[in-house]
Amino acid sequence: MRIITVSPDRYVDHFSLLRQMHRLRAAVFGERLAWDVSITDAGERDEYDDLDPTYILAVTGDERVVGCARLLPAFGPTMLEQTFPKLLATRSLNATASAVESSRFCVDTTLAARGGGQLHLATLTMFAGIIEWSMANRYDEIVTATDLRFERILNRAGWPMKRLGDPVAIGNTVAVAGTLPADRESFERVCPQGYHSIAGHHRGQIRSAA
């Protein structure tokens, strides 16, 4: 399993992987979690996919996408501030240029492989890939909205989240927002054995403030 980073200039080259990603998101968020998301024959997508994000993908040796996340600069527009401001104690992120938002994180839980602490190998690989990419692109903080179940997974992985507000019931889940450090110490705690570093790979910068 390896991490592939897909910046806007690589969308065409990795069209088939992105198509798998949108279908994985549909399977996880629409079918398994029954969230109120927009799903078409092409999979799940929303307006934030139109903002030129960078995607982090966990891909197996047979080119199967088993994990994904979407990264956008936290100074906006972001899902957390525009769609879920109720999760923020101040209703605003007050984000700096050193923070990036991670959204639409999911993994294929049918994958049998397990990593440290019996977490899915794809989950740990994704954590490591997100942190490594963030550090490489000069981000030291990751902001995200998730649910209480996933907050517990972060704790088990040794990557605890600092809450930005109280948990709030949204639809059929209880959501919470928080920040995660993007540093070497966190990377080393979550990094699974056999992880393939993205160092030396093509690194596209995500969209500018313009």
Protein backbone atom coordinates (compact mmCIF):
# COMPACT_ATOMS: atom_id res chain seq x y z
CA MET A 1 0.00 0.00 0.00
CA ARG A 2 1.24 3.46 -0.87
CA ILE A 3 0.13 7.07 -0.63
CA ILE A 4 -0.55 9.04 -3.81
CA THR A 5 -1.05 12.80 -3.62
CA VAL A 6 -3.24 14.23 -6.37
CA SER A 7 -2.97 17.99 -6.78
CA PRO A 8 -5.08 19.87 -9.38
CA ASP A 9 -2.39 19.61 -12.05
CA ARG A 10 -2.53 15.80 -11.72
CA TYR A 11 -6.31 15.30 -11.88
CA VAL A 12 -6.21 14.15 -15.50
CA ASP A 13 -3.31 11.75 -14.93
CA HIS A 14 -5.11 10.12 -12.02
CA PHE A 15 -8.67 10.27 -13.32
CA SER A 16 -9.32 6.55 -12.68
CA LEU A 17 -8.11 6.79 -9.07
CA LEU A 18 -10.24 9.87 -8.42
CA ARG A 19 -13.26 8.09 -9.86
CA GLN A 20 -12.64 5.24 -7.41
CA MET A 21 -12.30 7.80 -4.61
CA HIS A 22 -15.72 9.35 -5.31
CA ARG A 23 -17.29 5.89 -5.38
CA LEU A 24 -15.61 4.96 -2.10
CA ARG A 25 -16.97 8.15 -0.55
CA ALA A 26 -20.45 7.24 -1.79
CA ALA A 27 -20.17 3.76 -0.29
CA VAL A 28 -18.96 5.04 3.08
CA PHE A 29 -20.85 8.29 3.60
CA GLY A 30 -24.02 7.53 1.65
CA GLU A 31 -24.53 3.78 2.09
CA ARG A 32 -22.74 2.77 5.30
CA LEU A 33 -23.11 5.94 7.39
CA ALA A 34 -26.35 7.15 5.72
CA TRP A 35 -25.24 10.79 5.78
CA ASP A 36 -27.17 13.40 3.82
CA VAL A 37 -24.75 13.67 0.90
CA SER A 38 -25.14 14.16 -2.84
CA ILE A 39 -24.56 10.94 -4.77
CA THR A 40 -24.73 10.35 -8.53
CA ASP A 41 -23.62 7.50 -10.78
CA ALA A 42 -20.12 9.03 -10.55
CA GLY A 43 -20.07 8.80 -6.75
CA GLU A 44 -20.20 11.35 -3.92
CA ARG A 45 -19.00 14.90 -4.39
CA ASP A 46 -19.84 18.39 -3.14
CA GLU A 47 -19.02 22.04 -3.79
CA TYR A 48 -15.66 21.81 -2.03
CA ASP A 49 -14.44 19.42 -4.72
CA ASP A 50 -14.73 22.38 -7.12
CA LEU A 51 -12.13 24.41 -5.17
CA ASP A 52 -9.05 22.59 -6.51
CA PRO A 53 -8.19 20.55 -3.42
CA THR A 54 -5.33 18.13 -3.09
CA TYR A 55 -6.46 14.55 -2.50
CA ILE A 56 -4.52 12.06 -0.41
CA LEU A 57 -5.18 8.49 -1.56
CA ALA A 58 -4.15 5.15 -0.07
CA VAL A 59 -3.70 2.78 -3.00
CA THR A 60 -2.96 -0.95 -3.00
CA GLY A 61 -0.52 -2.72 -5.31
CA ASP A 62 -3.36 -3.59 -7.69
CA GLU A 63 -4.37 0.11 -7.98
CA ARG A 64 -7.34 -0.11 -5.65
CA VAL A 65 -8.18 3.07 -3.70
CA VAL A 66 -8.80 2.03 -0.09
CA GLY A 67 -8.54 5.39 1.65
CA CYS A 68 -8.91 9.07 0.83
CA ALA A 69 -8.99 12.59 2.24
CA ARG A 70 -9.43 16.07 0.78
CA LEU A 71 -7.16 18.96 1.75
CA LEU A 72 -7.82 22.69 1.35
CA PRO A 73 -6.20 25.75 2.97
CA ALA A 74 -7.95 26.45 6.27
CA PHE A 75 -8.24 30.18 5.65
CA GLY A 76 -11.11 29.30 3.35
CA PRO A 77 -13.47 28.56 1.94
CA THR A 78 -13.74 25.46 4.16
CA MET A 79 -16.42 22.92 4.96
CA LEU A 80 -15.91 23.45 8.67
CA GLU A 81 -16.48 27.20 8.64
CA GLN A 82 -19.13 27.43 5.91
CA THR A 83 -21.13 24.22 6.38
CA PHE A 84 -20.58 23.35 10.04
CA PRO A 85 -19.92 26.64 11.91
CA LYS A 86 -22.06 25.36 14.79
CA LEU A 87 -19.17 23.03 15.66
CA LEU A 88 -16.91 26.01 16.36
CA ALA A 89 -17.15 27.68 19.77
CA THR A 90 -16.46 31.08 18.16
CA ARG A 91 -18.29 30.26 14.89
CA SER A 92 -15.00 31.02 13.11
CA LEU A 93 -11.73 29.18 12.53
CA ASN A 94 -9.57 32.30 12.61
CA ALA A 95 -7.19 30.17 10.57
CA THR A 96 -3.69 31.13 9.51
CA ALA A 97 -1.71 30.20 6.43
CA SER A 98 -0.05 27.39 8.41
CA ALA A 99 -3.30 25.40 8.77
CA VAL A 100 -4.97 23.05 6.30
CA GLU A 101 -8.46 21.54 6.43
CA SER A 102 -8.94 17.80 6.00
CA SER A 103 -12.40 16.62 5.01
CA ARG A 104 -14.11 13.59 3.50
CA PHE A 105 -11.67 11.20 5.19
CA CYS A 106 -12.69 7.59 4.75
CA VAL A 107 -11.22 4.11 4.37
CA ASP A 108 -12.49 0.83 2.98
CA THR A 109 -13.23 -1.06 6.21
CA THR A 110 -13.62 -4.35 4.32
CA LEU A 111 -9.82 -4.37 4.01
CA ALA A 112 -8.51 -7.12 6.28
CA ALA A 113 -5.04 -5.71 6.94
CA ARG A 114 -4.47 -4.28 10.40
CA GLY A 115 -1.77 -1.99 11.71
CA GLY A 116 -0.64 -0.93 15.18
CA GLY A 117 -3.24 -1.17 17.94
CA GLN A 118 -5.46 -3.20 15.58
CA LEU A 119 -6.44 -0.12 13.59
CA HIS A 120 -6.85 -0.60 9.87
CA LEU A 121 -3.57 -0.37 7.98
CA ALA A 122 -5.29 1.96 5.50
CA THR A 123 -6.28 4.29 8.37
CA LEU A 124 -2.74 4.53 9.74
CA THR A 125 -1.30 4.90 6.24
CA MET A 126 -3.70 7.76 5.56
CA PHE A 127 -2.82 9.46 8.85
CA ALA A 128 0.88 9.24 8.02
CA GLY A 129 0.33 10.48 4.45
CA ILE A 130 -1.71 13.48 5.56
CA ILE A 131 0.85 14.51 8.17
CA GLU A 132 3.81 13.98 5.83
CA TRP A 133 2.20 15.96 3.01
CA SER A 134 1.22 18.75 5.41
CA MET A 135 4.75 19.09 6.75
CA ALA A 136 6.20 19.01 3.23
CA ASN A 137 3.89 21.87 2.26
CA ARG A 138 4.67 23.95 5.36
CA TYR A 139 1.49 23.30 7.30
CA ASP A 140 1.83 22.59 11.01
CA GLU A 141 -1.84 22.22 11.90
CA ILE A 142 -4.77 20.28 10.46
CA VAL A 143 -8.38 21.26 11.19
CA THR A 144 -11.24 18.89 10.67
CA ALA A 145 -14.82 17.99 11.54
CA THR A 146 -15.52 14.39 12.45
CA ASP A 147 -17.69 12.27 14.74
CA LEU A 148 -17.09 10.94 18.24
CA ARG A 149 -16.31 7.45 16.95
CA PHE A 150 -13.51 8.74 14.75
CA GLU A 151 -12.22 10.98 17.55
CA ARG A 152 -11.69 7.78 19.57
CA ILE A 153 -9.79 6.25 16.62
CA LEU A 154 -7.48 9.28 16.56
CA ASN A 155 -6.83 8.81 20.27
CA ARG A 156 -6.05 5.11 19.79
CA ALA A 157 -3.60 6.00 17.03
CA GLY A 158 -1.74 8.38 19.35
CA TRP A 159 -2.86 11.47 17.41
CA PRO A 160 -5.38 13.15 19.75
CA MET A 161 -7.50 16.01 18.52
CA LYS A 162 -7.86 19.32 20.36
CA ARG A 163 -11.53 20.27 20.25
CA LEU A 164 -12.67 23.61 18.86
CA GLY A 165 -16.15 23.37 20.35
CA ASP A 166 -18.63 21.03 22.00
CA PRO A 167 -20.03 17.98 20.17
CA VAL A 168 -23.24 18.69 18.24
CA ALA A 169 -25.86 16.29 16.88
CA ILE A 170 -25.98 16.62 13.10
CA GLY A 171 -28.29 14.26 11.26
CA ASN A 172 -27.69 10.72 12.51
CA THR A 173 -24.30 11.39 14.10
CA VAL A 174 -22.68 13.48 16.84
CA ALA A 175 -20.03 15.66 15.25
CA VAL A 176 -17.07 17.53 16.72
CA ALA A 177 -14.44 19.88 15.30
CA GLY A 178 -10.82 20.05 16.28
CA THR A 179 -7.19 20.57 15.37
CA LEU A 180 -4.44 18.01 14.88
CA PRO A 181 -0.69 18.67 14.92
CA ALA A 182 1.28 18.06 11.73
CA ASP A 183 4.75 17.38 13.11
CA ARG A 184 7.46 14.73 13.11
CA GLU A 185 6.46 13.36 16.51
CA SER A 186 2.86 12.76 15.41
CA PHE A 187 4.03 11.23 12.13
CA GLU A 188 6.29 8.75 13.92
CA ARG A 189 3.49 7.71 16.32
CA VAL A 190 0.96 6.91 13.58
CA CYS A 191 3.31 5.66 10.87
CA PRO A 192 2.73 1.92 10.22
CA GLN A 193 5.51 -0.53 9.55
CA GLY A 194 6.40 -0.64 5.86
CA TYR A 195 5.06 2.84 5.10
CA HIS A 196 6.29 4.18 1.75
CA SER A 197 7.28 7.83 2.14
CA ILE A 198 5.96 10.38 -0.35
CA ALA A 199 9.35 12.12 -0.20
CA GLY A 200 10.73 12.50 -3.69
CA HIS A 201 7.31 12.12 -5.29
CA HIS A 202 5.75 14.93 -7.30
CA ARG A 203 4.33 17.40 -4.78
CA GLY A 204 1.80 19.85 -6.16
CA GLN A 205 0.95 22.83 -3.99
CA ILE A 206 -2.72 23.20 -3.20
CA ARG A 207 -4.56 26.28 -4.33
CA SER A 208 -3.27 29.71 -3.36
CA ALA A 209 -5.12 32.36 -1.39
CA ALA A 210 -6.07 34.12 -4.62
